[in-house]
Amino acid sequence: MRRHKTFKVMGIFDLLRVYAGKWSVKSSRAFTDEEIKAVEGAVVVASEYGNSVCFHMASGGMTFIPLSSASTKGVGESVDLHNAKLLTLEKQGENDIIRVEC
């Protein structure tokens, strides 16, 4: 008796990346004392894909973290790092991302 191999027919969708699901909160934490001390000031700024928090570093320079969509701060408003949180968001098939919630 001859056996036939079963082959999976590859359609176009088997080759493409699936974009499904929503971003969900993986973890949430307060800024550490060390992180707060490293920042001279933080302010909300407009960025390419929405608002971000611009951190003016005590050592010089600036760094940016996107603002959470749930945040109520507007462009130009200061961010109190004692009250803000860092969110790590996850989504199947994607790398984790960080957002600031304030």
Protein backbone atom coordinates (compact mmCIF):
# COMPACT_ATOMS: atom_id res chain seq x y z
CA MET A 1 0.00 0.00 0.00
CA ARG A 2 1.40 3.40 -0.98
CA ARG A 3 1.28 6.22 1.58
CA HIS A 4 0.73 9.78 0.54
CA LYS A 5 2.46 12.60 2.37
CA THR A 6 0.22 15.34 3.61
CA PHE A 7 1.43 18.79 2.70
CA LYS A 8 0.08 22.00 4.09
CA VAL A 9 -1.00 24.33 1.35
CA MET A 10 0.67 27.68 2.03
CA GLY A 11 -1.60 30.54 1.36
CA ILE A 12 -0.49 34.14 1.43
CA PHE A 13 -1.78 34.53 5.00
CA ASP A 14 0.63 31.87 6.29
CA LEU A 15 3.51 34.11 5.23
CA LEU A 16 2.28 37.37 6.75
CA ARG A 17 2.57 38.67 10.27
CA VAL A 18 -0.70 38.72 12.22
CA TYR A 19 -1.64 42.04 13.81
CA ALA A 20 -4.23 41.11 16.35
CA GLY A 21 -5.19 41.93 19.85
CA LYS A 22 -4.80 45.02 21.93
CA TRP A 23 -1.99 46.32 24.06
CA SER A 24 -2.49 45.34 27.68
CA VAL A 25 -0.69 46.36 30.86
CA LYS A 26 1.97 43.84 31.73
CA SER A 27 3.27 45.79 34.74
CA SER A 28 3.06 49.19 36.38
CA ARG A 29 5.50 50.79 38.77
CA ALA A 30 6.43 54.10 40.32
CA PHE A 31 9.63 55.89 39.39
CA THR A 32 12.43 54.96 41.78
CA ASP A 33 14.13 57.57 43.96
CA GLU A 34 17.26 57.10 41.85
CA GLU A 35 15.33 57.77 38.63
CA ILE A 36 13.66 60.85 40.11
CA LYS A 37 17.03 62.25 41.27
CA ALA A 38 18.47 61.76 37.75
CA VAL A 39 15.83 64.12 36.26
CA GLU A 40 15.85 67.92 36.62
CA GLY A 41 12.40 68.27 35.11
CA ALA A 42 9.83 66.50 32.97
CA VAL A 43 7.33 68.09 30.60
CA VAL A 44 4.79 66.81 28.07
CA VAL A 45 5.72 67.54 24.45
CA ALA A 46 4.12 66.80 21.10
CA SER A 47 5.81 64.00 19.19
CA GLU A 48 5.38 62.20 15.89
CA TYR A 49 2.84 59.62 17.11
CA GLY A 50 1.23 61.48 19.99
CA ASN A 51 2.48 63.14 23.15
CA SER A 52 5.64 62.14 24.99
CA VAL A 53 7.31 63.10 28.25
CA CYS A 54 10.60 64.93 27.75
CA PHE A 55 12.96 64.27 30.64
CA HIS A 56 15.63 66.93 31.17
CA MET A 57 18.43 64.91 32.73
CA ALA A 58 20.53 66.23 35.62
CA SER A 59 23.63 64.98 33.81
CA GLY A 60 22.65 66.96 30.70
CA GLY A 61 20.63 66.12 27.63
CA MET A 62 17.08 64.96 27.21
CA THR A 63 15.34 61.64 26.79
CA PHE A 64 11.75 60.86 25.83
CA ILE A 65 9.14 58.26 26.76
CA PRO A 66 5.71 58.25 25.06
CA LEU A 67 2.74 59.26 27.19
CA SER A 68 0.03 56.72 27.95
CA SER A 69 -3.22 57.25 26.09
CA ALA A 70 -4.99 57.20 29.47
CA SER A 71 -3.00 60.19 30.74
CA THR A 72 -4.70 63.56 31.15
CA LYS A 73 -1.66 65.85 30.87
CA GLY A 74 -1.42 68.16 27.88
CA VAL A 75 1.47 69.61 25.91
CA GLY A 76 3.53 72.00 28.03
CA GLU A 77 2.40 70.61 31.38
CA SER A 78 4.98 69.50 33.94
CA VAL A 79 5.05 65.91 35.13
CA ASP A 80 5.57 65.17 38.82
CA LEU A 81 7.56 61.93 38.82
CA HIS A 82 6.48 61.24 42.41
CA ASN A 83 2.93 60.76 41.12
CA ALA A 84 3.62 59.34 37.64
CA LYS A 85 3.94 55.65 36.79
CA LEU A 86 5.86 53.64 34.22
CA LEU A 87 3.69 51.18 32.34
CA THR A 88 5.02 48.18 30.47
CA LEU A 89 2.54 47.14 27.78
CA GLU A 90 2.47 43.81 25.97
CA LYS A 91 0.79 42.47 22.86
CA GLN A 92 1.10 39.06 21.25
CA GLY A 93 3.71 39.05 18.49
CA GLU A 94 5.19 42.42 19.53
CA ASN A 95 8.01 43.56 21.79
CA ASP A 96 6.98 45.16 25.08
CA ILE A 97 6.72 48.96 25.10
CA ILE A 98 7.03 51.54 27.89
CA ARG A 99 4.65 54.43 28.53
CA VAL A 100 4.37 57.12 31.20
CA GLU A 101 1.03 57.50 32.92
CA CYS A 102 0.27 60.75 34.74
